[in-house]
Amino acid sequence: MPAVALDLKEAILALKKERNAVILAHNYQTGDIQDIADYVGDSLGLAYHAKETDADVIAFCGVHFMAETAKIVNPTKVVVLPDKDAGCSLEQSCPGPELEAFLNANAEKNYYVIAYINCSAHVKALCDVICTSGNAVKIVNKAPQDRPILFVPDANLGAWVMEQTGRKMDLWQGSCYVHVEFTRDSINRIKAEYPDALVVAHPECTQAVRLLADEVCSTEKMITFCRNAPVKDIIVVTESGMLHRLRRECPDKNLIPGPTDRCACADCRYMKMNTLQKLHDCLANLSPQVELPEDIRRRAEIPLLRMLEQSR
């Protein structure tokens, strides 16, 4: 590792100690950030860690809605995000005012609203319960039988959950721009190259891609799947950052990035906006900070805590 990077790493660790900070990183962050984090995981694991930390400062290496989630359950802590512009196409696909207007216009339906965690605090505040890809099936199975479900914002995840649970839901038509770039053709091509490989895919992928997978699961469950897989070659169909963690945890496997039609480079441009330098700067300056209006925070906390309770 170059001396500059080592110096930066040392400086981050010193700042972390000085600030009594915890560094949380999503599985899609770059390898150097994952390697310095106190905890690396999926949205569900990160939500638990954010809730249970006794640090004064949470440096959240992920995208904006994740740092917001940490703030929702930690109103008195300082939550910083290395890059304030690290957004999410799913969050953008379901603006709070738009969902609010839809629910008002359809008030007679009395929807039970389940929101995938990839959404803004405003959207969370309008929901009955939150879910992640790791617990969505469990959460939907616990939904009241006498109310119709509206699932927001990811239509692909929602469709997969309907297949798993047999529960009909109305789906908001949002999608993750990275996961919809995987296609049936691109996955069939890589399968032809590695005929003995197993395929593991994230449920944010389209149905055409999910049908080609041997396992569809959250990023966290991918680790168990890859570790226990009876073959060496595994095609991993999700954002590229996941491969860093999988290679560390499953060193004996040959992990092949699932390609899109354009390349084998399924990077989320938002996840990759965070860098070690920005992580250093946000700890040094305690900025950019995530702030929320208290009424929104309080309302968003209820469905989030309901999720944590129902997932245990």
C-alpha atoms as a PDB file:
ATOM      1  CA  MET A   1       0.000   0.000   0.000  1.00  0.00           C
ATOM      2  CA  PRO A   2       1.460   3.455  -0.903  1.00  0.00           C
ATOM      3  CA  ALA A   3       2.731   5.534   2.043  1.00  0.00           C
ATOM      4  CA  VAL A   4       0.111   8.235   1.398  1.00  0.00           C
ATOM      5  CA  ALA A   5      -2.723   5.713   1.757  1.00  0.00           C
ATOM      6  CA  LEU A   6      -1.146   4.315   4.935  1.00  0.00           C
ATOM      7  CA  ASP A   7      -0.820   7.822   6.382  1.00  0.00           C
ATOM      8  CA  LEU A   8      -4.458   8.530   5.501  1.00  0.00           C
ATOM      9  CA  LYS A   9      -5.537   5.285   7.143  1.00  0.00           C
ATOM     10  CA  GLU A  10      -3.587   6.127  10.315  1.00  0.00           C
ATOM     11  CA  ALA A  11      -5.099   9.629  10.356  1.00  0.00           C
ATOM     12  CA  ILE A  12      -8.633   8.209  10.018  1.00  0.00           C
ATOM     13  CA  LEU A  13      -8.066   5.762  12.887  1.00  0.00           C
ATOM     14  CA  ALA A  14      -6.651   8.568  15.074  1.00  0.00           C
ATOM     15  CA  LEU A  15      -9.664  10.795  14.312  1.00  0.00           C
ATOM     16  CA  LYS A  16     -12.026   7.917  14.985  1.00  0.00           C
ATOM     17  CA  LYS A  17     -10.517   7.472  18.453  1.00  0.00           C
ATOM     18  CA  GLU A  18     -10.517  11.209  19.176  1.00  0.00           C
ATOM     19  CA  ARG A  19     -14.169  11.594  18.131  1.00  0.00           C
ATOM     20  CA  ASN A  20     -15.340   8.349  19.772  1.00  0.00           C
ATOM     21  CA  ALA A  21     -16.678   7.464  16.336  1.00  0.00           C
ATOM     22  CA  VAL A  22     -17.800   4.238  14.711  1.00  0.00           C
ATOM     23  CA  ILE A  23     -17.304   3.631  10.987  1.00  0.00           C
ATOM     24  CA  LEU A  24     -20.132   1.681   9.343  1.00  0.00           C
ATOM     25  CA  ALA A  25     -19.772   0.594   5.713  1.00  0.00           C
ATOM     26  CA  HIS A  26     -22.145  -1.027   3.262  1.00  0.00           C
ATOM     27  CA  ASN A  27     -21.082  -4.109   1.300  1.00  0.00           C
ATOM     28  CA  TYR A  28     -21.017  -1.980  -1.883  1.00  0.00           C
ATOM     29  CA  GLN A  29     -18.315   0.422  -0.645  1.00  0.00           C
ATOM     30  CA  THR A  30     -14.801   0.287  -2.116  1.00  0.00           C
ATOM     31  CA  GLY A  31     -12.425  -2.262  -0.606  1.00  0.00           C
ATOM     32  CA  ASP A  32     -10.210   0.290   1.182  1.00  0.00           C
ATOM     33  CA  ILE A  33     -13.245   1.682   3.046  1.00  0.00           C
ATOM     34  CA  GLN A  34     -14.515  -1.803   3.914  1.00  0.00           C
ATOM     35  CA  ASP A  35     -11.078  -2.677   5.306  1.00  0.00           C
ATOM     36  CA  ILE A  36     -11.042   0.272   7.734  1.00  0.00           C
ATOM     37  CA  ALA A  37     -14.679   0.008   8.875  1.00  0.00           C
ATOM     38  CA  ASP A  38     -15.759  -1.311  12.277  1.00  0.00           C
ATOM     39  CA  TYR A  39     -18.655  -3.110  10.657  1.00  0.00           C
ATOM     40  CA  VAL A  40     -19.422  -4.014   7.039  1.00  0.00           C
ATOM     41  CA  GLY A  41     -22.831  -5.365   6.123  1.00  0.00           C
ATOM     42  CA  ASP A  42     -26.164  -5.067   4.394  1.00  0.00           C
ATOM     43  CA  SER A  43     -28.898  -2.563   5.232  1.00  0.00           C
ATOM     44  CA  LEU A  44     -30.411  -4.739   7.966  1.00  0.00           C
ATOM     45  CA  GLY A  45     -27.122  -5.403   9.755  1.00  0.00           C
ATOM     46  CA  LEU A  46     -26.186  -1.740   9.452  1.00  0.00           C
ATOM     47  CA  ALA A  47     -29.541  -0.658  10.929  1.00  0.00           C
ATOM     48  CA  TYR A  48     -28.992  -2.920  13.970  1.00  0.00           C
ATOM     49  CA  HIS A  49     -25.438  -1.641  14.444  1.00  0.00           C
ATOM     50  CA  ALA A  50     -26.529   1.982  14.100  1.00  0.00           C
ATOM     51  CA  LYS A  51     -29.215   1.379  16.722  1.00  0.00           C
ATOM     52  CA  GLU A  52     -26.915  -0.342  19.197  1.00  0.00           C
ATOM     53  CA  THR A  53     -23.723   1.709  18.967  1.00  0.00           C
ATOM     54  CA  ASP A  54     -22.498   3.669  21.988  1.00  0.00           C
ATOM     55  CA  ALA A  55     -20.247   5.899  19.855  1.00  0.00           C
ATOM     56  CA  ASP A  56     -20.829   9.673  19.835  1.00  0.00           C
ATOM     57  CA  VAL A  57     -20.279   9.944  16.083  1.00  0.00           C
ATOM     58  CA  ILE A  58     -21.459   7.595  13.330  1.00  0.00           C
ATOM     59  CA  ALA A  59     -19.485   7.891  10.091  1.00  0.00           C
ATOM     60  CA  PHE A  60     -21.728   6.157   7.592  1.00  0.00           C
ATOM     61  CA  CYS A  61     -20.018   4.968   4.437  1.00  0.00           C
ATOM     62  CA  GLY A  62     -22.963   4.201   2.215  1.00  0.00           C
ATOM     63  CA  VAL A  63     -25.598   6.351   0.582  1.00  0.00           C
ATOM     64  CA  HIS A  64     -27.751   9.133   1.989  1.00  0.00           C
ATOM     65  CA  PHE A  65     -30.825   7.086   2.992  1.00  0.00           C
ATOM     66  CA  MET A  66     -28.571   4.781   5.065  1.00  0.00           C
ATOM     67  CA  ALA A  67     -27.041   7.654   7.024  1.00  0.00           C
ATOM     68  CA  GLU A  68     -30.561   9.053   7.465  1.00  0.00           C
ATOM     69  CA  THR A  69     -31.670   5.681   8.850  1.00  0.00           C
ATOM     70  CA  ALA A  70     -28.858   5.855  11.421  1.00  0.00           C
ATOM     71  CA  LYS A  71     -29.990   9.373  12.389  1.00  0.00           C
ATOM     72  CA  ILE A  72     -33.635   8.281  12.726  1.00  0.00           C
ATOM     73  CA  VAL A  73     -32.703   5.827  15.482  1.00  0.00           C
ATOM     74  CA  ASN A  74     -29.964   8.045  16.986  1.00  0.00           C
ATOM     75  CA  PRO A  75     -31.374  11.573  17.193  1.00  0.00           C
ATOM     76  CA  THR A  76     -28.769  12.723  19.748  1.00  0.00           C
ATOM     77  CA  LYS A  77     -25.717  11.396  17.903  1.00  0.00           C
ATOM     78  CA  VAL A  78     -23.744  13.129  15.174  1.00  0.00           C
ATOM     79  CA  VAL A  79     -24.155  11.228  11.882  1.00  0.00           C
ATOM     80  CA  VAL A  80     -21.803  12.131   9.042  1.00  0.00           C
ATOM     81  CA  LEU A  81     -21.694  10.931   5.444  1.00  0.00           C
ATOM     82  CA  PRO A  82     -18.400  11.259   3.519  1.00  0.00           C
ATOM     83  CA  ASP A  83     -20.174  12.610   0.414  1.00  0.00           C
ATOM     84  CA  LYS A  84     -23.507  14.407   0.883  1.00  0.00           C
ATOM     85  CA  ASP A  85     -24.421  13.770  -2.768  1.00  0.00           C
ATOM     86  CA  ALA A  86     -24.241   9.973  -2.471  1.00  0.00           C
ATOM     87  CA  GLY A  87     -27.885   9.300  -3.360  1.00  0.00           C
ATOM     88  CA  CYS A  88     -29.819   6.268  -4.645  1.00  0.00           C
ATOM     89  CA  SER A  89     -31.914   5.726  -7.767  1.00  0.00           C
ATOM     90  CA  LEU A  90     -34.490   3.815  -5.717  1.00  0.00           C
ATOM     91  CA  GLU A  91     -34.859   6.668  -3.248  1.00  0.00           C
ATOM     92  CA  GLN A  92     -35.217   9.123  -6.148  1.00  0.00           C
ATOM     93  CA  SER A  93     -37.882   6.946  -7.798  1.00  0.00           C
ATOM     94  CA  CYS A  94     -40.305   7.497  -4.899  1.00  0.00           C
ATOM     95  CA  PRO A  95     -40.324  11.123  -3.688  1.00  0.00           C
ATOM     96  CA  GLY A  96     -42.128  11.642  -0.365  1.00  0.00           C
ATOM     97  CA  PRO A  97     -44.625  14.237  -1.681  1.00  0.00           C
ATOM     98  CA  GLU A  98     -45.553  11.905  -4.573  1.00  0.00           C
ATOM     99  CA  LEU A  99     -46.222   8.948  -2.257  1.00  0.00           C
ATOM    100  CA  GLU A 100     -48.166  11.188   0.121  1.00  0.00           C
ATOM    101  CA  ALA A 101     -50.381  12.416  -2.746  1.00  0.00           C
ATOM    102  CA  PHE A 102     -50.926   8.829  -3.945  1.00  0.00           C
ATOM    103  CA  LEU A 103     -51.940   7.633  -0.465  1.00  0.00           C
ATOM    104  CA  ASN A 104     -54.318  10.590  -0.040  1.00  0.00           C
ATOM    105  CA  ALA A 105     -55.900   9.934  -3.444  1.00  0.00           C
ATOM    106  CA  ASN A 106     -56.340   6.234  -2.527  1.00  0.00           C
ATOM    107  CA  ALA A 107     -57.271   6.690   1.127  1.00  0.00           C
ATOM    108  CA  GLU A 108     -60.340   4.452   0.782  1.00  0.00           C
ATOM    109  CA  LYS A 109     -58.054   1.455   0.068  1.00  0.00           C
ATOM    110  CA  ASN A 110     -56.524   1.739   3.565  1.00  0.00           C
ATOM    111  CA  TYR A 111     -53.167   0.459   2.304  1.00  0.00           C
ATOM    112  CA  TYR A 112     -50.717  -1.250   4.659  1.00  0.00           C
ATOM    113  CA  VAL A 113     -47.550   0.403   3.335  1.00  0.00           C
ATOM    114  CA  ILE A 114     -44.298  -1.558   3.364  1.00  0.00           C
ATOM    115  CA  ALA A 115     -41.243   0.429   2.336  1.00  0.00           C
ATOM    116  CA  TYR A 116     -37.955  -1.092   1.264  1.00  0.00           C
ATOM    117  CA  ILE A 117     -35.306   0.664   3.350  1.00  0.00           C
ATOM    118  CA  ASN A 118     -33.896   2.288   0.158  1.00  0.00           C
ATOM    119  CA  CYS A 119     -36.098   5.375   0.528  1.00  0.00           C
ATOM    120  CA  SER A 120     -36.074   8.802   2.169  1.00  0.00           C
ATOM    121  CA  ALA A 121     -37.028   9.555   5.773  1.00  0.00           C
ATOM    122  CA  HIS A 122     -40.161  11.273   4.419  1.00  0.00           C
ATOM    123  CA  VAL A 123     -41.250   8.031   2.715  1.00  0.00           C
ATOM    124  CA  LYS A 124     -40.427   5.992   5.833  1.00  0.00           C
ATOM    125  CA  ALA A 125     -42.613   8.395   7.839  1.00  0.00           C
ATOM    126  CA  LEU A 126     -45.588   7.531   5.581  1.00  0.00           C
ATOM    127  CA  CYS A 127     -45.206   3.768   6.042  1.00  0.00           C
ATOM    128  CA  ASP A 128     -46.419   1.087   8.423  1.00  0.00           C
ATOM    129  CA  VAL A 129     -43.211  -0.950   8.405  1.00  0.00           C
ATOM    130  CA  ILE A 130     -39.794  -0.970   6.704  1.00  0.00           C
ATOM    131  CA  CYS A 131     -38.058  -3.990   5.194  1.00  0.00           C
ATOM    132  CA  THR A 132     -34.699  -4.897   3.668  1.00  0.00           C
ATOM    133  CA  SER A 133     -33.995  -7.506   1.012  1.00  0.00           C
ATOM    134  CA  GLY A 134     -32.821  -9.753   3.860  1.00  0.00           C
ATOM    135  CA  ASN A 135     -36.099  -9.675   5.803  1.00  0.00           C
ATOM    136  CA  ALA A 136     -38.747  -8.644   3.228  1.00  0.00           C
ATOM    137  CA  VAL A 137     -40.366 -12.094   3.066  1.00  0.00           C
ATOM    138  CA  LYS A 138     -40.642 -12.256   6.872  1.00  0.00           C
ATOM    139  CA  ILE A 139     -42.064  -8.714   7.077  1.00  0.00           C
ATOM    140  CA  VAL A 140     -44.668  -9.335   4.346  1.00  0.00           C
ATOM    141  CA  ASN A 141     -45.711 -12.610   6.000  1.00  0.00           C
ATOM    142  CA  LYS A 142     -46.409 -10.643   9.193  1.00  0.00           C
ATOM    143  CA  ALA A 143     -48.533  -7.984   7.450  1.00  0.00           C
ATOM    144  CA  PRO A 144     -52.247  -7.855   8.409  1.00  0.00           C
ATOM    145  CA  GLN A 145     -54.309 -10.180   6.196  1.00  0.00           C
ATOM    146  CA  ASP A 146     -57.304  -7.828   6.041  1.00  0.00           C
ATOM    147  CA  ARG A 147     -55.531  -4.883   4.380  1.00  0.00           C
ATOM    148  CA  PRO A 148     -54.119  -4.523   0.848  1.00  0.00           C
ATOM    149  CA  ILE A 149     -50.348  -3.980   0.727  1.00  0.00           C
ATOM    150  CA  LEU A 150     -48.592  -1.197  -1.138  1.00  0.00           C
ATOM    151  CA  PHE A 151     -44.896  -2.059  -1.558  1.00  0.00           C
ATOM    152  CA  VAL A 152     -42.528   0.834  -2.314  1.00  0.00           C
ATOM    153  CA  PRO A 153     -40.263   1.696  -4.081  1.00  0.00           C
ATOM    154  CA  ASP A 154     -38.639  -1.396  -5.681  1.00  0.00           C
ATOM    155  CA  ALA A 155     -40.959  -3.254  -8.077  1.00  0.00           C
ATOM    156  CA  ASN A 156     -38.423  -6.054  -8.727  1.00  0.00           C
ATOM    157  CA  LEU A 157     -37.908  -6.823  -5.044  1.00  0.00           C
ATOM    158  CA  GLY A 158     -41.685  -6.568  -4.525  1.00  0.00           C
ATOM    159  CA  ALA A 159     -42.377  -9.027  -7.363  1.00  0.00           C
ATOM    160  CA  TRP A 160     -39.843 -11.498  -5.922  1.00  0.00           C
ATOM    161  CA  VAL A 161     -41.440 -11.199  -2.464  1.00  0.00           C
ATOM    162  CA  MET A 162     -44.867 -11.902  -4.007  1.00  0.00           C
ATOM    163  CA  GLU A 163     -43.407 -15.067  -5.603  1.00  0.00           C
ATOM    164  CA  GLN A 164     -41.992 -16.148  -2.216  1.00  0.00           C
ATOM    165  CA  THR A 165     -45.037 -15.360  -0.071  1.00  0.00           C
ATOM    166  CA  GLY A 166     -48.002 -15.762  -2.436  1.00  0.00           C
ATOM    167  CA  ARG A 167     -49.233 -12.433  -1.063  1.00  0.00           C
ATOM    168  CA  LYS A 168     -50.594 -10.033  -3.645  1.00  0.00           C
ATOM    169  CA  MET A 169     -49.223  -6.496  -3.382  1.00  0.00           C
ATOM    170  CA  ASP A 170     -49.523  -3.292  -5.371  1.00  0.00           C
ATOM    171  CA  LEU A 171     -46.027  -2.300  -6.458  1.00  0.00           C
ATOM    172  CA  TRP A 172     -44.553   1.168  -6.828  1.00  0.00           C
ATOM    173  CA  GLN A 173     -42.618   1.175 -10.107  1.00  0.00           C
ATOM    174  CA  GLY A 174     -39.129   2.023  -8.847  1.00  0.00           C
ATOM    175  CA  SER A 175     -35.887   0.190  -9.598  1.00  0.00           C
ATOM    176  CA  CYS A 176     -32.173   0.155  -8.823  1.00  0.00           C
ATOM    177  CA  TYR A 177     -30.401   1.407 -11.926  1.00  0.00           C
ATOM    178  CA  VAL A 178     -27.430  -0.954 -11.314  1.00  0.00           C
ATOM    179  CA  HIS A 179     -29.396  -4.182 -10.859  1.00  0.00           C
ATOM    180  CA  VAL A 180     -31.654  -3.669 -13.888  1.00  0.00           C
ATOM    181  CA  GLU A 181     -28.558  -3.486 -16.121  1.00  0.00           C
ATOM    182  CA  PHE A 182     -28.038  -7.238 -15.703  1.00  0.00           C
ATOM    183  CA  THR A 183     -29.942  -8.979 -18.497  1.00  0.00           C
ATOM    184  CA  ARG A 184     -30.902 -12.525 -19.398  1.00  0.00           C
ATOM    185  CA  ASP A 185     -28.439 -12.383 -22.326  1.00  0.00           C
ATOM    186  CA  SER A 186     -25.524 -11.053 -20.271  1.00  0.00           C
ATOM    187  CA  ILE A 187     -26.000 -13.743 -17.592  1.00  0.00           C
ATOM    188  CA  ASN A 188     -26.505 -16.529 -20.153  1.00  0.00           C
ATOM    189  CA  ARG A 189     -23.234 -15.512 -21.827  1.00  0.00           C
ATOM    190  CA  ILE A 190     -21.224 -15.769 -18.593  1.00  0.00           C
ATOM    191  CA  LYS A 191     -22.961 -19.058 -17.730  1.00  0.00           C
ATOM    192  CA  ALA A 192     -21.839 -20.458 -21.103  1.00  0.00           C
ATOM    193  CA  GLU A 193     -18.277 -19.455 -20.214  1.00  0.00           C
ATOM    194  CA  TYR A 194     -18.476 -21.164 -16.798  1.00  0.00           C
ATOM    195  CA  PRO A 195     -20.919 -24.068 -17.326  1.00  0.00           C
ATOM    196  CA  ASP A 196     -20.326 -25.552 -13.856  1.00  0.00           C
ATOM    197  CA  ALA A 197     -20.790 -22.275 -11.993  1.00  0.00           C
ATOM    198  CA  LEU A 198     -23.683 -21.510  -9.673  1.00  0.00           C
ATOM    199  CA  VAL A 199     -25.404 -18.129  -9.971  1.00  0.00           C
ATOM    200  CA  VAL A 200     -26.387 -16.010  -6.965  1.00  0.00           C
ATOM    201  CA  ALA A 201     -28.405 -12.840  -7.646  1.00  0.00           C
ATOM    202  CA  HIS A 202     -29.881  -9.971  -5.683  1.00  0.00           C
ATOM    203  CA  PRO A 203     -33.707  -9.694  -5.710  1.00  0.00           C
ATOM    204  CA  GLU A 204     -33.443  -6.137  -7.116  1.00  0.00           C
ATOM    205  CA  CYS A 205     -32.617  -7.839 -10.454  1.00  0.00           C
ATOM    206  CA  THR A 206     -35.364  -8.333 -13.044  1.00  0.00           C
ATOM    207  CA  GLN A 207     -37.392 -11.529 -13.079  1.00  0.00           C
ATOM    208  CA  ALA A 208     -35.617 -12.663 -16.286  1.00  0.00           C
ATOM    209  CA  VAL A 209     -32.304 -12.613 -14.386  1.00  0.00           C
ATOM    210  CA  ARG A 210     -33.724 -14.045 -11.146  1.00  0.00           C
ATOM    211  CA  LEU A 211     -35.019 -17.067 -13.083  1.00  0.00           C
ATOM    212  CA  LEU A 212     -31.440 -17.873 -14.147  1.00  0.00           C
ATOM    213  CA  ALA A 213     -30.125 -17.805 -10.575  1.00  0.00           C
ATOM    214  CA  ASP A 214     -29.582 -20.818  -8.337  1.00  0.00           C
ATOM    215  CA  GLU A 215     -30.128 -18.555  -5.343  1.00  0.00           C
ATOM    216  CA  VAL A 216     -31.766 -15.123  -4.985  1.00  0.00           C
ATOM    217  CA  CYS A 217     -30.898 -13.393  -1.716  1.00  0.00           C
ATOM    218  CA  SER A 218     -29.650 -10.308   0.109  1.00  0.00           C
ATOM    219  CA  THR A 219     -25.949  -9.420   0.046  1.00  0.00           C
ATOM    220  CA  GLU A 220     -25.494 -10.770   3.580  1.00  0.00           C
ATOM    221  CA  LYS A 221     -27.002 -14.148   2.702  1.00  0.00           C
ATOM    222  CA  MET A 222     -24.735 -14.308  -0.368  1.00  0.00           C
ATOM    223  CA  ILE A 223     -21.798 -14.889   1.979  1.00  0.00           C
ATOM    224  CA  THR A 224     -23.340 -18.034   3.483  1.00  0.00           C
ATOM    225  CA  PHE A 225     -24.394 -19.242   0.037  1.00  0.00           C
ATOM    226  CA  CYS A 226     -20.898 -18.801  -1.455  1.00  0.00           C
ATOM    227  CA  ARG A 227     -19.165 -20.294   1.579  1.00  0.00           C
ATOM    228  CA  ASN A 228     -21.335 -23.430   1.494  1.00  0.00           C
ATOM    229  CA  ALA A 229     -21.622 -23.815  -2.282  1.00  0.00           C
ATOM    230  CA  PRO A 230     -20.458 -27.265  -3.439  1.00  0.00           C
ATOM    231  CA  VAL A 231     -18.656 -25.762  -6.478  1.00  0.00           C
ATOM    232  CA  LYS A 232     -15.652 -23.460  -6.889  1.00  0.00           C
ATOM    233  CA  ASP A 233     -17.044 -21.122  -9.559  1.00  0.00           C
ATOM    234  CA  ILE A 234     -19.826 -18.736  -8.500  1.00  0.00           C
ATOM    235  CA  ILE A 235     -21.277 -15.947 -10.636  1.00  0.00           C
ATOM    236  CA  VAL A 236     -22.270 -13.055  -8.370  1.00  0.00           C
ATOM    237  CA  VAL A 237     -25.021 -10.832  -9.767  1.00  0.00           C
ATOM    238  CA  THR A 238     -25.020  -7.676  -7.687  1.00  0.00           C
ATOM    239  CA  GLU A 239     -23.060  -4.432  -7.275  1.00  0.00           C
ATOM    240  CA  SER A 240     -19.302  -4.916  -7.681  1.00  0.00           C
ATOM    241  CA  GLY A 241     -18.310  -3.842  -4.151  1.00  0.00           C
ATOM    242  CA  MET A 242     -19.757  -7.081  -2.792  1.00  0.00           C
ATOM    243  CA  LEU A 243     -16.958  -9.077  -4.444  1.00  0.00           C
ATOM    244  CA  HIS A 244     -14.323  -7.532  -2.162  1.00  0.00           C
ATOM    245  CA  ARG A 245     -16.048  -8.847   0.934  1.00  0.00           C
ATOM    246  CA  LEU A 246     -16.911 -12.208  -0.632  1.00  0.00           C
ATOM    247  CA  ARG A 247     -13.286 -12.760  -1.711  1.00  0.00           C
ATOM    248  CA  ARG A 248     -12.127 -12.000   1.819  1.00  0.00           C
ATOM    249  CA  GLU A 249     -14.685 -14.329   3.426  1.00  0.00           C
ATOM    250  CA  CYS A 250     -14.661 -17.118   0.808  1.00  0.00           C
ATOM    251  CA  PRO A 251     -10.999 -17.206  -0.337  1.00  0.00           C
ATOM    252  CA  ASP A 252     -11.265 -20.719  -1.798  1.00  0.00           C
ATOM    253  CA  LYS A 253     -13.991 -19.770  -4.296  1.00  0.00           C
ATOM    254  CA  ASN A 254     -13.602 -18.329  -7.783  1.00  0.00           C
ATOM    255  CA  LEU A 255     -16.067 -15.423  -7.623  1.00  0.00           C
ATOM    256  CA  ILE A 256     -17.039 -14.116 -11.034  1.00  0.00           C
ATOM    257  CA  PRO A 257     -18.705 -10.698 -11.363  1.00  0.00           C
ATOM    258  CA  GLY A 258     -22.004 -10.980 -13.205  1.00  0.00           C
ATOM    259  CA  PRO A 259     -21.629  -8.796 -16.325  1.00  0.00           C
ATOM    260  CA  THR A 260     -24.109  -6.359 -17.794  1.00  0.00           C
ATOM    261  CA  ASP A 261     -24.495  -6.065 -21.559  1.00  0.00           C
ATOM    262  CA  ARG A 262     -21.816  -3.382 -21.500  1.00  0.00           C
ATOM    263  CA  CYS A 263     -19.153  -4.651 -19.098  1.00  0.00           C
ATOM    264  CA  ALA A 264     -18.313  -6.671 -15.978  1.00  0.00           C
ATOM    265  CA  CYS A 265     -18.354  -3.461 -13.978  1.00  0.00           C
ATOM    266  CA  ALA A 266     -21.643  -3.163 -12.128  1.00  0.00           C
ATOM    267  CA  ASP A 267     -20.605  -0.147 -10.050  1.00  0.00           C
ATOM    268  CA  CYS A 268     -23.119   2.042  -8.261  1.00  0.00           C
ATOM    269  CA  ARG A 269     -21.878   5.551  -8.993  1.00  0.00           C
ATOM    270  CA  TYR A 270     -23.422   6.766  -5.727  1.00  0.00           C
ATOM    271  CA  MET A 271     -21.811   4.114  -3.511  1.00  0.00           C
ATOM    272  CA  LYS A 272     -18.449   4.846  -5.119  1.00  0.00           C
ATOM    273  CA  MET A 273     -18.635   8.601  -4.356  1.00  0.00           C
ATOM    274  CA  ASN A 274     -17.261   7.959  -0.869  1.00  0.00           C
ATOM    275  CA  THR A 275     -13.463   7.801  -0.626  1.00  0.00           C
ATOM    276  CA  LEU A 276     -10.906   7.425   2.184  1.00  0.00           C
ATOM    277  CA  GLN A 277     -10.056  11.119   1.851  1.00  0.00           C
ATOM    278  CA  LYS A 278     -13.722  12.141   2.193  1.00  0.00           C
ATOM    279  CA  LEU A 279     -14.093   9.778   5.174  1.00  0.00           C
ATOM    280  CA  HIS A 280     -11.100  11.481   6.800  1.00  0.00           C
ATOM    281  CA  ASP A 281     -12.504  14.943   6.098  1.00  0.00           C
ATOM    282  CA  CYS A 282     -15.978  14.174   7.419  1.00  0.00           C
ATOM    283  CA  LEU A 283     -14.471  12.926  10.704  1.00  0.00           C
ATOM    284  CA  ALA A 284     -12.138  15.931  10.916  1.00  0.00           C
ATOM    285  CA  ASN A 285     -14.855  18.524  10.220  1.00  0.00           C
ATOM    286  CA  LEU A 286     -17.899  16.589  11.493  1.00  0.00           C
ATOM    287  CA  SER A 287     -19.461  17.529   8.171  1.00  0.00           C
ATOM    288  CA  PRO A 288     -21.522  16.871   6.077  1.00  0.00           C
ATOM    289  CA  GLN A 289     -23.935  16.020   8.891  1.00  0.00           C
ATOM    290  CA  VAL A 290     -27.300  14.366   8.394  1.00  0.00           C
ATOM    291  CA  GLU A 291     -30.121  16.412   9.970  1.00  0.00           C
ATOM    292  CA  LEU A 292     -33.844  15.648   9.956  1.00  0.00           C
ATOM    293  CA  PRO A 293     -36.950  17.609  10.955  1.00  0.00           C
ATOM    294  CA  GLU A 294     -37.992  16.093  14.309  1.00  0.00           C
ATOM    295  CA  ASP A 295     -41.609  15.385  13.285  1.00  0.00           C
ATOM    296  CA  ILE A 296     -40.430  13.372  10.227  1.00  0.00           C
ATOM    297  CA  ARG A 297     -37.735  11.620  12.293  1.00  0.00           C
ATOM    298  CA  ARG A 298     -40.222  10.622  14.992  1.00  0.00           C
ATOM    299  CA  ARG A 299     -42.760   9.275  12.483  1.00  0.00           C
ATOM    300  CA  ALA A 300     -40.064   7.423  10.494  1.00  0.00           C
ATOM    301  CA  GLU A 301     -38.702   5.802  13.650  1.00  0.00           C
ATOM    302  CA  ILE A 302     -41.948   3.886  14.338  1.00  0.00           C
ATOM    303  CA  PRO A 303     -41.906   1.665  11.179  1.00  0.00           C
ATOM    304  CA  LEU A 304     -38.131   1.272  11.455  1.00  0.00           C
ATOM    305  CA  LEU A 305     -38.285  -0.012  15.041  1.00  0.00           C
ATOM    306  CA  ARG A 306     -41.225  -2.212  14.013  1.00  0.00           C
ATOM    307  CA  MET A 307     -38.955  -3.770  11.373  1.00  0.00           C
ATOM    308  CA  LEU A 308     -36.125  -4.376  13.861  1.00  0.00           C
ATOM    309  CA  GLU A 309     -38.610  -5.958  16.265  1.00  0.00           C
ATOM    310  CA  GLN A 310     -40.235  -8.178  13.602  1.00  0.00           C
ATOM    311  CA  SER A 311     -36.831  -9.288  12.221  1.00  0.00           C
ATOM    312  CA  ARG A 312     -35.350 -10.627  15.440  1.00  0.00           C
END
